[in-house]
Protein backbone atom coordinates (compact mmCIF):
# COMPACT_ATOMS: atom_id res chain seq x y z
CA MET A 1 39.83 -65.05 66.36
CA ASP A 2 40.81 -64.90 62.68
CA ALA A 3 43.16 -67.74 61.61
CA SER A 4 46.30 -66.67 59.65
CA ILE A 5 47.14 -68.68 56.46
CA GLY A 6 49.90 -68.10 54.07
CA ALA A 7 49.09 -67.36 50.46
CA PHE A 8 50.60 -70.23 48.89
CA GLU A 9 48.62 -72.58 51.45
CA ALA A 10 45.42 -70.49 50.94
CA LYS A 11 45.77 -70.94 47.05
CA ALA A 12 46.13 -74.76 47.61
CA GLN A 13 43.36 -75.07 49.93
CA LEU A 14 40.89 -72.47 48.73
CA SER A 15 37.88 -74.88 48.40
CA ARG A 16 38.37 -75.95 51.97
CA LEU A 17 38.70 -72.38 53.20
CA LEU A 18 35.53 -71.29 51.30
CA ARG A 19 33.52 -73.70 53.08
CA ALA A 20 34.88 -72.71 56.39
CA VAL A 21 34.16 -69.28 55.63
CA GLU A 22 30.58 -70.09 54.46
CA GLN A 23 30.02 -71.50 58.08
CA GLY A 24 31.33 -68.00 59.53
CA GLU A 25 35.01 -68.58 59.86
CA ARG A 26 37.37 -65.72 58.86
CA PHE A 27 41.03 -65.89 57.71
CA THR A 28 43.98 -63.62 57.31
CA ILE A 29 45.98 -64.12 54.27
CA THR A 30 49.75 -63.53 54.65
CA VAL A 31 52.52 -63.17 52.30
CA ARG A 32 55.97 -63.64 53.92
CA GLY A 33 54.25 -63.32 57.29
CA LYS A 34 52.76 -59.89 56.31
CA PRO A 35 48.86 -59.63 56.35
CA VAL A 36 47.56 -58.74 53.06
CA ALA A 37 43.98 -59.77 52.87
CA ASP A 38 41.02 -61.08 54.89
CA LEU A 39 38.83 -63.75 53.94
CA VAL A 40 35.44 -63.21 55.37
CA PRO A 41 31.82 -64.31 55.01
CA HIS A 42 29.77 -62.15 52.41
CA ARG A 43 27.36 -59.54 53.90
CA ALA A 44 24.02 -58.90 52.39
CA ASP A 45 23.63 -55.84 50.40
CA ALA A 46 22.89 -52.92 52.39
CA ALA A 47 19.89 -52.06 50.44
CA GLU A 48 18.47 -55.30 51.38
CA GLY A 49 18.98 -54.53 55.06
CA VAL A 50 17.31 -51.08 54.72
CA ALA A 51 14.40 -52.62 52.87
CA VAL A 52 14.10 -55.14 55.73
CA ALA A 53 14.16 -52.41 58.33
CA VAL A 54 11.59 -50.30 56.59
CA ALA A 55 9.30 -53.30 56.38
CA ALA A 56 9.83 -53.93 60.21
CA LEU A 57 8.83 -50.34 61.03
CA GLN A 58 5.88 -50.43 58.71
CA ALA A 59 4.70 -53.52 60.73
CA PHE A 60 4.62 -51.57 63.90
CA PRO A 61 1.08 -50.83 65.02
CA ARG A 62 -0.04 -47.18 64.57
CA ILE A 63 -0.73 -44.86 67.33
CA ARG A 64 -4.13 -43.83 67.54
CA GLY A 65 -5.88 -41.21 69.54
CA VAL A 66 -3.32 -38.33 69.36
CA CYS A 67 -4.34 -35.50 67.01
CA ASP A 68 -1.96 -32.94 65.57
CA ALA A 69 -2.92 -30.29 67.87
CA ASP A 70 -2.07 -32.39 70.96
CA VAL A 71 1.23 -33.07 69.41
CA ALA A 72 2.03 -29.42 68.82
CA ASP A 73 1.10 -28.75 72.47
CA PHE A 74 3.24 -31.40 73.84
CA LEU A 75 6.26 -29.86 71.78
CA ARG A 76 5.44 -26.36 73.14
CA GLU A 77 5.45 -27.76 76.61
CA GLY A 78 8.68 -29.22 76.29
CA ARG A 79 10.50 -26.13 74.81
CA GLN A 80 9.80 -24.00 78.02
């Protein structure tokens, strides 16, 4: 659950809040009781995630022993 904190208090305790966010905590910053911002941990760039996923897929062992003609036959069987 996100903790709610007023903007004035957040400004005064920014260093402490950043250390807590670094540990995975989340905060909603409010102005006069109205939520205006979320202080959340930074996510890695999406491109980095894609690169990791591609590397994981490339590490999978290759399937051997099925030729293109067999795959075409399998596809034709599935369409009937």
